[in-house]
Amino acid sequence: MKKIISILAISLVLASCNRQFDNAMKSADKALILKTADEMYAKKKWTQALSLYERAAKLVADSDDLADVLFKSAYAEYYEEKYREAAHHFKKFSVNFPKDPRAEEAAYMAAQGYYKGSMDYNLDQSTSESALNELQEFLNNYPNSERSKNIRELIEEVNYKLELKAFENAKQYFKMAEYKAANVAFENVLSDFPSTKLRPQIYDYIMKSRYELAINSIYDLKAERLDNAIAYTKFVEKEIPETAKTAASLRERLAAEKIRFADVQKNVEEQRTRIEKKMKAEAEKQQLRNSKIDKTEKAAEASVTGANQMRTDSAVANTPAPAATLEIKN
């Protein structure tokens, strides 16, 4: 019986709240709408409170009530876990009402909203970058705030999320055997996050990437890549002593490959020398043949020129002299 009474009581309360909400939504009375919105807010009925505050905002646009409406609307959105919308409205409040006693709180909640609205590290991190900017902006505007310590902790968390995302992206290149891209990506993580706690793992991946790149390198770059990979194993062994065994193993294989490649280089150079000598001999033979052809062509040209000159001379010799012309006197 008590259970039934409780259910009926709850139903009556809900029905009463719904009638109250519906009446306020249909009303044009600013005071009624604000009163009902505040009651819904106090009862943590965030959806109804938001609807009423949105309606009230149009009615109080030019009054002192606007700040209170915007502030509570932002909190209602925050509690509804609409973090990005809440962050936007908290920031709007802190910018539009900088002298309001709640301005710092609004700026802090904006930073919190952007932080909570950021994606997990394995998703797109554009929201995390926005959150980082907003968190840093709070520190810039309120450096002496009691909330600064918490903001700094959030900045570290967001930085780690961005760092982890970059690290995982670099790992994907390594898994796909894109060792050159992996090497660059891991180097970028170290450059972008110099205080990273993932440094030992990054060093290990770079060392292995350079090893694979050297072992499977094209001929022209192999000697240089082998030297770089060997040097990096020594660097990692010094920086991260616990990797000594792995570094020594890779260095041993790289050194063996360097000896093997030196023999390959020797054979290639010998073969290249033989080919160059053969090509030079062929060129000399061709030059000799061309020289003989030139002499033959020049002799033939001289013969033709002589014959033409002889014909010209003969024609001149056989041409009769012109007849004498006598002058007639009158």
Protein backbone atom coordinates (compact mmCIF):
# COMPACT_ATOMS: atom_id res chain seq x y z
CA MET A 1 0.00 0.00 0.00
CA LYS A 2 2.81 2.39 0.95
CA LYS A 3 4.49 1.62 -2.35
CA ILE A 4 1.32 2.48 -4.29
CA ILE A 5 0.93 5.72 -2.34
CA SER A 6 4.54 6.65 -3.07
CA ILE A 7 4.08 6.00 -6.78
CA LEU A 8 0.90 8.08 -6.82
CA ALA A 9 2.64 10.91 -4.99
CA ILE A 10 5.53 10.91 -7.45
CA SER A 11 3.08 10.85 -10.35
CA LEU A 12 1.21 13.84 -8.94
CA VAL A 13 4.44 15.78 -8.47
CA LEU A 14 5.54 14.97 -12.02
CA ALA A 15 2.19 15.96 -13.40
CA SER A 16 2.30 19.19 -11.44
CA CYS A 17 5.81 19.96 -12.71
CA ASN A 18 4.79 19.22 -16.26
CA ARG A 19 1.74 21.52 -16.00
CA GLN A 20 3.93 24.20 -14.48
CA PHE A 21 6.48 23.83 -17.28
CA ASP A 22 3.83 23.79 -20.02
CA ASN A 23 2.12 26.88 -18.62
CA ALA A 24 5.43 28.77 -18.49
CA MET A 25 6.35 27.76 -22.04
CA LYS A 26 3.01 29.05 -23.33
CA SER A 27 3.17 32.26 -21.32
CA ALA A 28 4.59 35.61 -22.37
CA ASP A 29 5.01 36.67 -18.75
CA LYS A 30 8.76 37.22 -18.23
CA ALA A 31 8.52 36.92 -14.44
CA LEU A 32 6.61 33.61 -14.64
CA ILE A 33 9.06 32.13 -17.14
CA LEU A 34 12.10 33.11 -15.05
CA LYS A 35 10.50 31.88 -11.81
CA THR A 36 9.60 28.53 -13.36
CA ALA A 37 13.03 28.20 -15.00
CA ASP A 38 14.74 28.81 -11.66
CA GLU A 39 12.49 26.24 -9.99
CA MET A 40 13.31 23.65 -12.66
CA TYR A 41 16.98 24.53 -12.25
CA ALA A 42 16.77 24.03 -8.48
CA LYS A 43 15.10 20.65 -9.03
CA LYS A 44 17.92 19.71 -11.48
CA LYS A 45 15.50 19.36 -14.34
CA TRP A 46 18.10 20.64 -16.74
CA THR A 47 16.25 20.04 -20.01
CA GLN A 48 13.15 21.97 -18.90
CA ALA A 49 15.28 24.70 -17.32
CA LEU A 50 17.24 25.12 -20.55
CA SER A 51 14.09 25.40 -22.64
CA LEU A 52 12.70 28.07 -20.34
CA TYR A 53 15.98 29.99 -20.12
CA GLU A 54 16.23 30.02 -23.92
CA ARG A 55 12.72 31.45 -24.07
CA ALA A 56 13.49 33.96 -21.32
CA ALA A 57 16.72 35.13 -22.99
CA LYS A 58 14.72 36.77 -25.77
CA LEU A 59 12.58 38.63 -23.23
CA VAL A 60 15.43 39.88 -21.03
CA ALA A 61 17.91 40.78 -23.77
CA ASP A 62 18.11 44.41 -22.68
CA SER A 63 17.83 43.91 -18.93
CA ASP A 64 20.07 43.01 -16.01
CA ASP A 65 18.48 39.54 -15.90
CA LEU A 66 20.34 38.51 -19.08
CA ALA A 67 23.61 37.72 -17.27
CA ASP A 68 21.86 35.44 -14.78
CA VAL A 69 19.97 33.66 -17.56
CA LEU A 70 23.12 33.03 -19.60
CA PHE A 71 25.08 31.87 -16.55
CA LYS A 72 22.44 29.37 -15.43
CA SER A 73 21.84 28.20 -19.00
CA ALA A 74 25.54 27.37 -19.32
CA TYR A 75 25.48 25.40 -16.08
CA ALA A 76 22.34 23.52 -17.15
CA GLU A 77 24.10 22.53 -20.38
CA TYR A 78 27.16 21.47 -18.42
CA TYR A 79 25.10 19.25 -16.12
CA GLU A 80 23.34 17.82 -19.16
CA GLU A 81 26.86 16.86 -20.36
CA LYS A 82 26.59 19.17 -23.33
CA TYR A 83 30.12 20.26 -22.59
CA ARG A 84 31.04 22.04 -25.79
CA GLU A 85 27.83 24.10 -25.81
CA ALA A 86 28.29 24.89 -22.11
CA ALA A 87 31.92 25.91 -22.70
CA HIS A 88 30.87 28.23 -25.51
CA HIS A 89 28.25 29.93 -23.36
CA PHE A 90 30.49 30.19 -20.28
CA LYS A 91 33.15 31.84 -22.40
CA LYS A 92 30.58 34.17 -23.94
CA PHE A 93 29.51 35.17 -20.42
CA SER A 94 33.09 35.86 -19.26
CA VAL A 95 33.75 37.98 -22.36
CA ASN A 96 30.46 39.92 -22.32
CA PHE A 97 30.37 40.46 -18.56
CA PRO A 98 34.05 40.84 -17.51
CA LYS A 99 33.15 42.89 -14.41
CA ASP A 100 30.58 40.42 -13.14
CA PRO A 101 31.78 38.67 -9.93
CA ARG A 102 31.13 35.34 -11.69
CA ALA A 103 33.39 36.14 -14.68
CA GLU A 104 36.34 34.12 -13.37
CA GLU A 105 34.09 31.20 -12.49
CA ALA A 106 32.60 31.32 -15.99
CA ALA A 107 36.07 31.38 -17.57
CA TYR A 108 37.06 28.42 -15.40
CA MET A 109 33.93 26.48 -16.33
CA ALA A 110 34.52 27.28 -20.00
CA ALA A 111 37.98 25.71 -19.70
CA GLN A 112 36.46 22.73 -17.88
CA GLY A 113 33.79 22.35 -20.55
CA TYR A 114 36.33 22.39 -23.38
CA TYR A 115 38.42 19.85 -21.47
CA LYS A 116 35.50 17.48 -20.87
CA GLY A 117 34.35 17.92 -24.47
CA SER A 118 37.69 16.84 -25.90
CA MET A 119 37.83 13.45 -27.60
CA ASP A 120 39.66 10.32 -26.42
CA TYR A 121 43.28 10.12 -27.58
CA ASN A 122 42.47 7.57 -30.31
CA LEU A 123 39.99 9.96 -31.98
CA ASP A 124 40.37 13.31 -33.72
CA GLN A 125 42.28 15.65 -31.42
CA SER A 126 41.18 19.04 -32.77
CA THR A 127 38.91 19.39 -29.70
CA SER A 128 41.87 18.64 -27.42
CA GLU A 129 43.90 21.36 -29.10
CA SER A 130 41.02 23.81 -28.57
CA ALA A 131 40.78 22.72 -24.93
CA LEU A 132 44.51 23.29 -24.46
CA ASN A 133 44.19 26.83 -25.84
CA GLU A 134 41.27 27.63 -23.54
CA LEU A 135 42.99 26.20 -20.46
CA GLN A 136 46.10 28.23 -21.21
CA GLU A 137 43.98 31.33 -21.76
CA PHE A 138 42.52 30.96 -18.27
CA LEU A 139 46.04 30.85 -16.80
CA ASN A 140 46.99 33.94 -18.79
CA ASN A 141 43.94 35.88 -17.61
CA TYR A 142 43.90 34.65 -14.00
CA PRO A 143 47.51 33.72 -13.12
CA ASN A 144 46.91 34.11 -9.38
CA SER A 145 43.61 32.26 -9.23
CA GLU A 146 43.10 29.47 -6.71
CA ARG A 147 41.82 27.43 -9.63
CA SER A 148 45.15 27.69 -11.51
CA LYS A 149 46.58 24.52 -9.93
CA ASN A 150 43.69 22.45 -11.21
CA ILE A 151 43.95 24.07 -14.65
CA ARG A 152 47.66 23.18 -14.84
CA GLU A 153 46.82 19.56 -14.05
CA LEU A 154 44.23 19.55 -16.84
CA ILE A 155 46.79 21.03 -19.24
CA GLU A 156 49.14 18.16 -18.42
CA GLU A 157 46.35 15.65 -19.08
CA VAL A 158 45.43 17.21 -22.42
CA ASN A 159 49.09 17.43 -23.43
CA TYR A 160 49.52 13.75 -22.65
CA LYS A 161 46.45 12.93 -24.74
CA LEU A 162 47.90 14.83 -27.72
CA GLU A 163 51.28 13.23 -27.11
CA LEU A 164 49.76 9.75 -26.97
CA LYS A 165 47.83 10.39 -30.19
CA ALA A 166 51.03 11.42 -31.99
CA PHE A 167 52.84 8.38 -30.56
CA GLU A 168 50.10 6.00 -31.73
CA ASN A 169 50.12 7.56 -35.21
CA ALA A 170 53.87 7.00 -35.43
CA LYS A 171 53.39 3.38 -34.30
CA GLN A 172 50.97 2.83 -37.16
CA TYR A 173 53.68 3.76 -39.66
CA PHE A 174 56.00 1.26 -37.99
CA LYS A 175 53.37 -1.49 -38.09
CA MET A 176 52.84 -0.83 -41.81
CA ALA A 177 56.62 -1.16 -42.38
CA GLU A 178 56.79 2.50 -43.42
CA TYR A 179 60.05 2.85 -41.52
CA LYS A 180 61.18 6.16 -43.00
CA ALA A 181 57.83 7.78 -42.14
CA ALA A 182 57.87 6.12 -38.70
CA ASN A 183 61.33 7.51 -37.97
CA VAL A 184 60.20 11.05 -38.91
CA ALA A 185 56.95 10.75 -36.94
CA PHE A 186 58.71 9.55 -33.77
CA GLU A 187 61.30 12.32 -34.09
CA ASN A 188 58.43 14.81 -34.34
CA VAL A 189 56.90 13.46 -31.11
CA LEU A 190 60.20 14.12 -29.33
CA SER A 191 60.38 17.60 -30.84
CA ASP A 192 56.77 18.53 -30.04
CA PHE A 193 56.77 16.98 -26.55
CA PRO A 194 60.31 17.33 -25.17
CA SER A 195 59.18 16.32 -21.65
CA THR A 196 57.41 13.17 -22.83
CA LYS A 197 57.35 10.17 -20.52
CA LEU A 198 57.28 7.95 -23.60
CA ARG A 199 60.88 8.78 -24.50
CA PRO A 200 62.29 5.25 -23.82
CA GLN A 201 59.64 3.66 -26.06
CA ILE A 202 60.18 6.29 -28.74
CA TYR A 203 63.94 5.73 -28.72
CA ASP A 204 63.33 2.00 -29.09
CA TYR A 205 61.02 2.48 -32.08
CA ILE A 206 63.41 4.93 -33.76
CA MET A 207 66.29 2.50 -33.28
CA LYS A 208 64.30 -0.36 -34.80
CA SER A 209 63.01 1.86 -37.63
CA ARG A 210 66.56 2.90 -38.54
CA TYR A 211 67.67 -0.73 -38.36
CA GLU A 212 64.96 -1.86 -40.79
CA LEU A 213 65.57 1.13 -43.04
CA ALA A 214 69.30 0.38 -43.19
CA ILE A 215 68.95 -3.36 -43.72
CA ASN A 216 66.40 -2.93 -46.52
CA SER A 217 67.87 0.24 -48.00
CA ILE A 218 68.49 0.99 -51.66
CA TYR A 219 72.14 0.65 -52.74
CA ASP A 220 73.02 4.36 -52.96
CA LEU A 221 71.83 5.15 -49.40
CA LYS A 222 72.70 1.90 -47.64
CA ALA A 223 76.23 2.72 -46.41
CA GLU A 224 75.09 6.01 -44.85
CA ARG A 225 72.00 4.44 -43.28
CA LEU A 226 74.02 1.59 -41.80
CA ASP A 227 76.39 4.07 -40.17
CA ASN A 228 73.46 6.14 -38.83
CA ALA A 229 71.70 3.07 -37.46
CA ILE A 230 74.84 1.80 -35.73
CA ALA A 231 75.48 5.23 -34.21
CA TYR A 232 71.88 5.40 -32.95
CA THR A 233 72.15 2.01 -31.19
CA LYS A 234 75.11 3.42 -29.26
CA PHE A 235 73.17 6.58 -28.41
CA VAL A 236 70.14 4.64 -27.16
CA GLU A 237 72.30 2.24 -25.17
CA LYS A 238 73.85 5.22 -23.41
CA GLU A 239 70.58 7.10 -22.83
CA ILE A 240 68.46 4.08 -21.85
CA PRO A 241 70.75 1.47 -20.25
CA GLU A 242 67.91 -1.06 -19.96
CA THR A 243 67.86 -1.31 -23.76
CA ALA A 244 71.52 -2.39 -23.88
CA LYS A 245 70.76 -5.98 -24.85
CA THR A 246 68.47 -5.01 -27.74
CA ALA A 247 70.81 -2.26 -28.91
CA ALA A 248 73.83 -4.59 -28.86
CA SER A 249 71.95 -7.27 -30.79
CA LEU A 250 70.84 -4.85 -33.50
CA ARG A 251 74.31 -3.29 -33.70
CA GLU A 252 75.88 -6.73 -34.19
CA ARG A 253 73.55 -7.48 -37.09
CA LEU A 254 74.13 -4.06 -38.59
CA ALA A 255 77.90 -4.52 -38.36
CA ALA A 256 77.64 -7.89 -40.10
CA GLU A 257 75.50 -6.31 -42.82
CA LYS A 258 78.04 -3.52 -43.19
CA ILE A 259 80.82 -6.09 -43.84
CA ARG A 260 78.63 -7.94 -46.33
CA PHE A 261 77.69 -4.71 -48.07
CA ALA A 262 81.35 -3.68 -48.26
CA ASP A 263 82.01 -6.84 -50.29
CA VAL A 264 79.03 -6.00 -52.48
CA GLN A 265 80.39 -2.49 -52.99
CA LYS A 266 83.80 -3.91 -53.93
CA ASN A 267 82.26 -6.25 -56.50
CA VAL A 268 80.10 -3.47 -57.86
CA GLU A 269 83.09 -1.15 -58.18
CA GLU A 270 85.11 -3.85 -59.95
CA GLN A 271 82.27 -4.53 -62.31
CA ARG A 272 81.78 -0.81 -62.86
CA THR A 273 85.49 -0.42 -63.65
CA ARG A 274 85.34 -3.29 -66.17
CA ILE A 275 82.27 -1.80 -67.80
CA GLU A 276 83.86 1.65 -67.94
CA LYS A 277 87.03 0.20 -69.54
CA LYS A 278 84.96 -1.71 -72.06
CA MET A 279 82.90 1.35 -72.86
CA LYS A 280 86.07 3.43 -73.23
CA ALA A 281 87.57 0.85 -75.62
CA GLU A 282 84.38 0.78 -77.64
CA ALA A 283 84.38 4.57 -77.76
CA GLU A 284 87.97 4.63 -79.00
CA LYS A 285 87.16 2.05 -81.68
CA GLN A 286 84.14 4.05 -82.75
CA GLN A 287 86.24 7.22 -82.83
CA LEU A 288 88.79 5.45 -85.05
CA ARG A 289 86.06 4.23 -87.38
CA ASN A 290 84.60 7.72 -87.53
CA SER A 291 88.05 9.13 -88.34
CA LYS A 292 88.48 6.70 -91.26
CA ILE A 293 85.03 7.55 -92.54
CA ASP A 294 85.84 11.26 -92.33
CA LYS A 295 89.04 10.79 -94.35
CA THR A 296 87.21 8.79 -97.04
CA GLU A 297 84.45 11.37 -97.25
CA LYS A 298 86.97 14.22 -97.49
CA ALA A 299 88.90 12.41 -100.26
CA ALA A 300 85.73 11.83 -102.21
CA GLU A 301 84.75 15.46 -101.73
CA ALA A 302 88.17 16.59 -102.98
CA SER A 303 87.88 14.33 -106.05
CA VAL A 304 84.47 15.75 -106.92
CA THR A 305 85.74 19.29 -106.44
CA GLY A 306 88.76 18.60 -108.73
CA ALA A 307 86.60 17.09 -111.44
CA ASN A 308 84.25 20.07 -111.34
CA GLN A 309 87.18 22.47 -111.61
CA MET A 310 88.58 20.57 -114.59
CA ARG A 311 85.25 20.78 -116.41
CA THR A 312 85.09 24.51 -115.68
CA ASP A 313 88.61 25.08 -117.00
CA SER A 314 87.93 23.05 -120.15
CA ALA A 315 84.79 25.01 -120.89
CA VAL A 316 86.68 28.29 -120.62
CA ALA A 317 89.46 27.08 -122.92
CA ASN A 318 87.03 26.01 -125.65
CA THR A 319 85.05 29.23 -125.69
CA PRO A 320 85.97 31.29 -128.90
CA ALA A 321 87.22 34.83 -128.52
CA PRO A 322 84.67 37.52 -129.44
CA ALA A 323 84.84 38.96 -133.08
CA ALA A 324 86.74 42.22 -133.69
CA THR A 325 84.54 45.34 -134.10
CA LEU A 326 85.54 47.91 -136.78
CA GLU A 327 84.54 51.55 -136.48
CA ILE A 328 82.90 53.00 -139.69
CA LYS A 329 83.86 56.54 -140.55
CA ASN A 330 81.42 58.82 -142.50
